[in-house]
Amino acid sequence: MNGPPIAPSPGMNAIPPELSGGAPLIVVVMGVAGCGKSSVGQSLAAKLGDEFIEGDAHHPPANIEKMSAGVPLTDADRDGWLATLAGFIAEAHRAERGLVVACSALKRRYRDRLRGDCERVVFLHLHGDKALIASRMGARTAHFMPTALVDSQFADLEMPAADEAVLSYEVTLPAEAIVADAYARLTGDRKTGEKSGRNA
């Protein structure tokens, strides 16, 4: 049985056409906790042949301690963490390498910080219903982020604007279908994208 067609958000139109013909893109897989950033990011990086960076692995111990206790992070808490990830992105930009980073990037100013002056950054936004995200978080056993922080994650989330280069996918879609479609759109391989446009 076929599922719903996979399509990019309107924000995809903000990606300059010339990017696909230049240096490899840098992709930030974003969204609230529990949306599947790590699995999609790892698979996409492998398909692109690029390095994958797990943003959560670069939180300082103090941040992990706060989140583990169910205390939401502040902008100040996230500042050093975002600076670290922005450094990885800037390094890849200078070296003209592709890169995939998993980072919540919930607020516009966070995304601007990560992007810096690199025009090759594209955000892949995974989004879904709060109840579904909460159930996914509750099912996780090896992560420090508790379900209690779901509300604060959604409260902080600022949806990408039309002027941001972004692909947006519902988390109800299979991860492999999201990766296949995103790969096709990011590389210009439209035929692959058309084949994966519907789920079997």
Protein backbone atom coordinates (compact mmCIF):
# COMPACT_ATOMS: atom_id res chain seq x y z
CA MET A 1 0.00 0.00 0.00
CA ASN A 2 1.39 3.40 -0.96
CA GLY A 3 1.89 6.05 1.68
CA PRO A 4 1.76 9.83 1.36
CA PRO A 5 4.09 11.48 -1.17
CA ILE A 6 7.28 12.91 0.28
CA ALA A 7 7.76 16.57 -0.53
CA PRO A 8 10.05 19.34 0.66
CA SER A 9 8.68 22.29 2.57
CA PRO A 10 8.15 25.55 0.69
CA GLY A 11 11.41 26.74 2.27
CA MET A 12 13.30 24.43 -0.09
CA ASN A 13 12.84 27.13 -2.70
CA ALA A 14 15.25 29.29 -0.67
CA ILE A 15 18.20 27.06 -1.58
CA PRO A 16 20.17 28.81 -4.36
CA PRO A 17 20.30 26.58 -7.48
CA GLU A 18 24.04 27.15 -7.88
CA LEU A 19 24.75 25.32 -4.62
CA SER A 20 24.17 21.92 -6.22
CA GLY A 21 26.93 22.57 -8.74
CA GLY A 22 29.56 23.76 -6.27
CA ALA A 23 31.17 22.39 -3.14
CA PRO A 24 29.28 19.70 -1.16
CA LEU A 25 26.45 20.93 1.04
CA ILE A 26 26.59 21.00 4.83
CA VAL A 27 23.38 19.57 6.28
CA VAL A 28 22.08 20.25 9.78
CA VAL A 29 19.38 17.75 10.76
CA MET A 30 17.22 19.71 13.19
CA GLY A 31 14.12 19.32 15.31
CA VAL A 32 12.93 18.70 18.85
CA ALA A 33 14.32 15.85 20.93
CA GLY A 34 12.98 12.46 19.91
CA CYS A 35 12.29 13.35 16.26
CA GLY A 36 14.96 11.01 14.86
CA LYS A 37 17.80 13.42 14.09
CA SER A 38 20.56 10.93 14.86
CA SER A 39 19.26 8.02 12.80
CA VAL A 40 18.38 10.18 9.80
CA GLY A 41 21.63 12.12 10.09
CA GLN A 42 23.83 9.04 10.30
CA SER A 43 22.11 7.39 7.34
CA LEU A 44 22.22 10.54 5.23
CA ALA A 45 25.90 11.11 5.99
CA ALA A 46 26.71 7.52 4.99
CA LYS A 47 24.78 7.90 1.73
CA LEU A 48 26.51 11.20 0.94
CA GLY A 49 29.91 9.87 1.99
CA ASP A 50 30.31 12.70 4.50
CA GLU A 51 31.32 12.89 8.16
CA PHE A 52 28.52 12.81 10.73
CA ILE A 53 28.64 14.82 13.95
CA GLU A 54 26.24 14.03 16.79
CA GLY A 55 25.49 17.35 18.42
CA ASP A 56 24.42 15.84 21.74
CA ALA A 57 27.88 14.33 22.15
CA HIS A 58 29.34 17.83 22.42
CA HIS A 59 27.17 19.15 25.25
CA PRO A 60 29.27 20.05 28.31
CA PRO A 61 28.66 17.91 31.42
CA ALA A 62 26.75 20.75 33.10
CA ASN A 63 24.20 20.82 30.28
CA ILE A 64 23.72 17.06 30.37
CA GLU A 65 23.26 17.20 34.13
CA LYS A 66 20.56 19.87 33.81
CA MET A 67 18.67 18.06 31.08
CA SER A 68 18.92 14.73 32.88
CA ALA A 69 17.25 16.42 35.86
CA GLY A 70 14.45 17.71 33.63
CA VAL A 71 15.67 21.32 33.66
CA PRO A 72 15.43 23.09 30.27
CA LEU A 73 18.58 24.71 28.90
CA THR A 74 18.76 28.47 28.56
CA ASP A 75 20.25 30.43 25.67
CA ALA A 76 23.36 30.93 27.81
CA ASP A 77 23.63 27.17 28.44
CA ARG A 78 23.52 26.50 24.71
CA ASP A 79 25.97 29.24 23.73
CA GLY A 80 29.23 27.31 24.08
CA TRP A 81 27.68 24.17 22.59
CA LEU A 82 26.48 26.04 19.51
CA ALA A 83 29.92 27.65 19.18
CA THR A 84 31.52 24.20 19.10
CA LEU A 85 29.16 22.93 16.40
CA ALA A 86 29.50 26.17 14.42
CA GLY A 87 33.27 25.58 14.54
CA PHE A 88 32.86 22.16 12.92
CA ILE A 89 30.68 23.69 10.21
CA ALA A 90 33.11 26.55 9.57
CA GLU A 91 35.99 24.08 9.32
CA ALA A 92 34.12 21.95 6.78
CA HIS A 93 33.24 25.11 4.86
CA ARG A 94 36.86 26.23 4.67
CA ALA A 95 37.94 22.78 3.52
CA GLU A 96 35.05 22.61 1.01
CA ARG A 97 33.92 19.33 2.56
CA GLY A 98 30.42 18.03 3.00
CA LEU A 99 29.21 17.45 6.57
CA VAL A 100 26.06 16.28 8.35
CA VAL A 101 25.35 17.54 11.87
CA ALA A 102 22.50 16.50 14.17
CA CYS A 103 21.48 19.50 16.25
CA SER A 104 18.11 20.63 17.58
CA ALA A 105 18.71 24.20 16.24
CA LEU A 106 15.33 25.16 17.66
CA LYS A 107 15.56 28.94 17.38
CA ARG A 108 16.31 31.11 14.37
CA ARG A 109 19.27 32.73 16.11
CA TYR A 110 20.70 29.27 16.84
CA ARG A 111 20.47 28.41 13.16
CA ASP A 112 22.05 31.74 12.21
CA ARG A 113 24.87 30.99 14.64
CA LEU A 114 25.46 27.56 13.11
CA ARG A 115 25.24 28.89 9.56
CA GLY A 116 27.67 31.75 10.08
CA ASP A 117 28.81 33.05 6.71
CA CYS A 118 28.53 29.66 5.03
CA GLU A 119 25.98 29.70 2.23
CA ARG A 120 26.22 25.91 1.81
CA VAL A 121 24.30 25.10 4.99
CA VAL A 122 20.94 23.40 4.49
CA PHE A 123 18.62 22.48 7.36
CA LEU A 124 16.68 19.22 7.27
CA HIS A 125 13.78 19.71 9.68
CA LEU A 126 12.08 16.65 11.18
CA HIS A 127 8.78 17.58 12.76
CA GLY A 128 5.74 15.87 14.24
CA ASP A 129 2.89 15.92 16.71
CA LYS A 130 3.87 16.58 20.33
CA ALA A 131 2.11 13.43 21.58
CA LEU A 132 3.99 11.27 19.08
CA ILE A 133 7.32 12.87 19.97
CA ALA A 134 6.60 12.34 23.68
CA SER A 135 5.86 8.65 23.11
CA ARG A 136 9.10 8.25 21.18
CA MET A 137 11.08 9.93 23.92
CA GLY A 138 9.43 7.74 26.53
CA ALA A 139 10.50 4.63 24.63
CA ARG A 140 14.18 5.63 24.58
CA THR A 141 16.42 4.00 27.18
CA ALA A 142 19.90 5.27 26.30
CA HIS A 143 19.46 9.04 26.20
CA PHE A 144 19.73 11.71 28.89
CA MET A 145 16.78 13.79 27.63
CA PRO A 146 13.64 13.00 29.70
CA THR A 147 10.06 13.20 28.45
CA ALA A 148 9.51 16.07 30.92
CA LEU A 149 11.36 18.39 28.54
CA VAL A 150 9.01 17.86 25.58
CA ASP A 151 6.96 20.97 26.37
CA SER A 152 10.04 23.19 26.66
CA GLN A 153 11.39 21.84 23.37
CA PHE A 154 8.19 22.75 21.53
CA ALA A 155 8.03 26.11 23.33
CA ASP A 156 11.52 26.97 22.07
CA LEU A 157 10.93 25.74 18.52
CA GLU A 158 10.80 28.51 15.93
CA MET A 159 9.79 27.00 12.61
CA PRO A 160 12.24 27.72 9.77
CA ALA A 161 11.25 30.79 7.77
CA ALA A 162 10.80 31.02 4.01
CA ASP A 163 14.23 32.62 3.58
CA GLU A 164 16.02 29.68 5.20
CA ALA A 165 17.34 26.81 3.08
CA VAL A 166 15.35 23.90 4.50
CA LEU A 167 13.85 20.53 3.70
CA SER A 168 11.02 19.53 6.02
CA TYR A 169 9.69 16.03 6.67
CA GLU A 170 7.02 14.54 8.93
CA VAL A 171 8.48 12.06 11.42
CA THR A 172 5.72 9.59 10.55
CA LEU A 173 7.58 8.87 7.31
CA PRO A 174 10.09 5.99 7.39
CA ALA A 175 13.64 7.21 8.03
CA GLU A 176 14.95 5.42 4.93
CA ALA A 177 12.37 7.20 2.74
CA ILE A 178 13.31 10.58 4.21
CA VAL A 179 17.00 9.90 3.62
CA ALA A 180 16.44 8.75 0.03
CA ASP A 181 14.33 11.78 -0.85
CA ALA A 182 16.64 14.26 0.90
CA TYR A 183 19.67 12.72 -0.81
CA ALA A 184 18.00 13.10 -4.20
CA ARG A 185 17.08 16.73 -3.60
CA LEU A 186 20.45 17.67 -2.09
CA THR A 187 22.44 16.09 -4.91
CA GLY A 188 20.11 16.94 -7.78
CA ASP A 189 19.42 13.25 -8.45
CA ARG A 190 15.74 13.85 -9.23
CA LYS A 191 15.14 10.38 -10.69
CA THR A 192 16.05 8.77 -7.37
CA GLY A 193 13.80 11.23 -5.61
CA GLU A 194 10.89 10.39 -7.85
CA LYS A 195 11.35 6.67 -7.23
CA SER A 196 11.32 7.16 -3.47
CA GLY A 197 8.48 9.69 -3.58
CA ARG A 198 5.99 7.11 -2.36
CA ASN A 199 6.46 4.56 0.37
CA ALA A 200 5.79 0.91 -0.34
